[in-house]
């Protein structure tokens, strides 16, 4: 059986990290979140291109 790690367990582990590793983890998390937000923004920006009435190449 697989055990799921809880948020509280993750927080307890993170707070035990040395300062330099905590800073590195923080940078990686921020980079991940930034990429996630940019992908979400791009989905809405490109959604107008999915208009079937404008699809002249697949008619």
C-alpha atoms as a PDB file:
ATOM      1  CA  UNK A   1       0.000   0.000   0.000  1.00  0.00           C
ATOM      2  CA  UNK A   2       1.295   3.488  -0.897  1.00  0.00           C
ATOM      3  CA  UNK A   3       1.350   6.075   1.864  1.00  0.00           C
ATOM      4  CA  UNK A   4       0.471   9.613   0.850  1.00  0.00           C
ATOM      5  CA  UNK A   5       2.599  12.283   2.478  1.00  0.00           C
ATOM      6  CA  UNK A   6       0.516  14.953   4.167  1.00  0.00           C
ATOM      7  CA  UNK A   7       1.104  18.676   3.882  1.00  0.00           C
ATOM      8  CA  UNK A   8       1.953  18.793   7.573  1.00  0.00           C
ATOM      9  CA  UNK A   9       4.644  16.112   7.131  1.00  0.00           C
ATOM     10  CA  UNK A  10       6.128  18.048   4.222  1.00  0.00           C
ATOM     11  CA  UNK A  11       6.194  21.261   6.261  1.00  0.00           C
ATOM     12  CA  UNK A  12       7.889  19.505   9.173  1.00  0.00           C
ATOM     13  CA  UNK A  13      10.559  18.142   6.833  1.00  0.00           C
ATOM     14  CA  UNK A  14      11.094  21.468   5.064  1.00  0.00           C
ATOM     15  CA  UNK A  15      11.615  23.331   8.329  1.00  0.00           C
ATOM     16  CA  UNK A  16      14.433  20.904   9.186  1.00  0.00           C
ATOM     17  CA  UNK A  17      16.406  21.798   6.036  1.00  0.00           C
ATOM     18  CA  UNK A  18      19.589  23.840   6.254  1.00  0.00           C
ATOM     19  CA  UNK A  19      19.185  27.466   5.183  1.00  0.00           C
ATOM     20  CA  UNK A  20      20.971  27.059   1.817  1.00  0.00           C
ATOM     21  CA  UNK A  21      18.817  24.064   0.858  1.00  0.00           C
ATOM     22  CA  UNK A  22      15.668  25.887   1.953  1.00  0.00           C
ATOM     23  CA  UNK A  23      16.576  28.839  -0.281  1.00  0.00           C
ATOM     24  CA  UNK A  24      17.257  26.492  -3.201  1.00  0.00           C
ATOM     25  CA  UNK A  25      13.907  24.754  -2.679  1.00  0.00           C
ATOM     26  CA  UNK A  26      12.155  28.118  -2.479  1.00  0.00           C
ATOM     27  CA  UNK A  27      13.690  29.176  -5.808  1.00  0.00           C
ATOM     28  CA  UNK A  28      12.659  25.908  -7.457  1.00  0.00           C
ATOM     29  CA  UNK A  29       9.094  26.210  -6.168  1.00  0.00           C
ATOM     30  CA  UNK A  30       8.850  29.795  -7.407  1.00  0.00           C
ATOM     31  CA  UNK A  31      10.154  28.734 -10.825  1.00  0.00           C
ATOM     32  CA  UNK A  32       7.613  25.928 -10.996  1.00  0.00           C
ATOM     33  CA  UNK A  33       4.747  28.222 -10.005  1.00  0.00           C
ATOM     34  CA  UNK A  34       5.843  30.863 -12.501  1.00  0.00           C
ATOM     35  CA  UNK A  35       5.841  28.281 -15.310  1.00  0.00           C
ATOM     36  CA  UNK A  36       2.442  27.014 -14.210  1.00  0.00           C
ATOM     37  CA  UNK A  37       0.967  30.525 -14.255  1.00  0.00           C
ATOM     38  CA  UNK A  38       2.498  31.318 -17.650  1.00  0.00           C
ATOM     39  CA  UNK A  39       1.013  28.140 -19.133  1.00  0.00           C
ATOM     40  CA  UNK A  40      -2.407  29.070 -17.756  1.00  0.00           C
ATOM     41  CA  UNK A  41      -2.143  32.580 -19.232  1.00  0.00           C
ATOM     42  CA  UNK A  42      -1.061  31.199 -22.598  1.00  0.00           C
ATOM     43  CA  UNK A  43      -4.059  28.847 -22.680  1.00  0.00           C
ATOM     44  CA  UNK A  44      -6.435  31.794 -22.560  1.00  0.00           C
ATOM     45  CA  UNK A  45      -4.327  33.828 -25.002  1.00  0.00           C
ATOM     46  CA  UNK A  46      -4.381  31.088 -27.637  1.00  0.00           C
ATOM     47  CA  UNK A  47      -7.971  29.979 -27.089  1.00  0.00           C
ATOM     48  CA  UNK A  48      -9.179  32.523 -29.662  1.00  0.00           C
ATOM     49  CA  UNK A  49      -7.222  30.591 -32.291  1.00  0.00           C
ATOM     50  CA  UNK A  50      -9.398  27.537 -31.679  1.00  0.00           C
ATOM     51  CA  UNK A  51     -12.459  29.160 -33.256  1.00  0.00           C
ATOM     52  CA  UNK A  52     -13.862  26.613 -35.772  1.00  0.00           C
ATOM     53  CA  UNK A  53     -15.241  29.417 -37.951  1.00  0.00           C
ATOM     54  CA  UNK A  54     -11.732  30.795 -38.385  1.00  0.00           C
ATOM     55  CA  UNK A  55     -10.209  27.395 -39.213  1.00  0.00           C
ATOM     56  CA  UNK A  56      -9.497  27.838 -42.935  1.00  0.00           C
ATOM     57  CA  UNK A  57      -6.961  25.006 -43.124  1.00  0.00           C
ATOM     58  CA  UNK A  58      -9.153  22.122 -41.975  1.00  0.00           C
ATOM     59  CA  UNK A  59     -12.368  22.915 -43.840  1.00  0.00           C
END
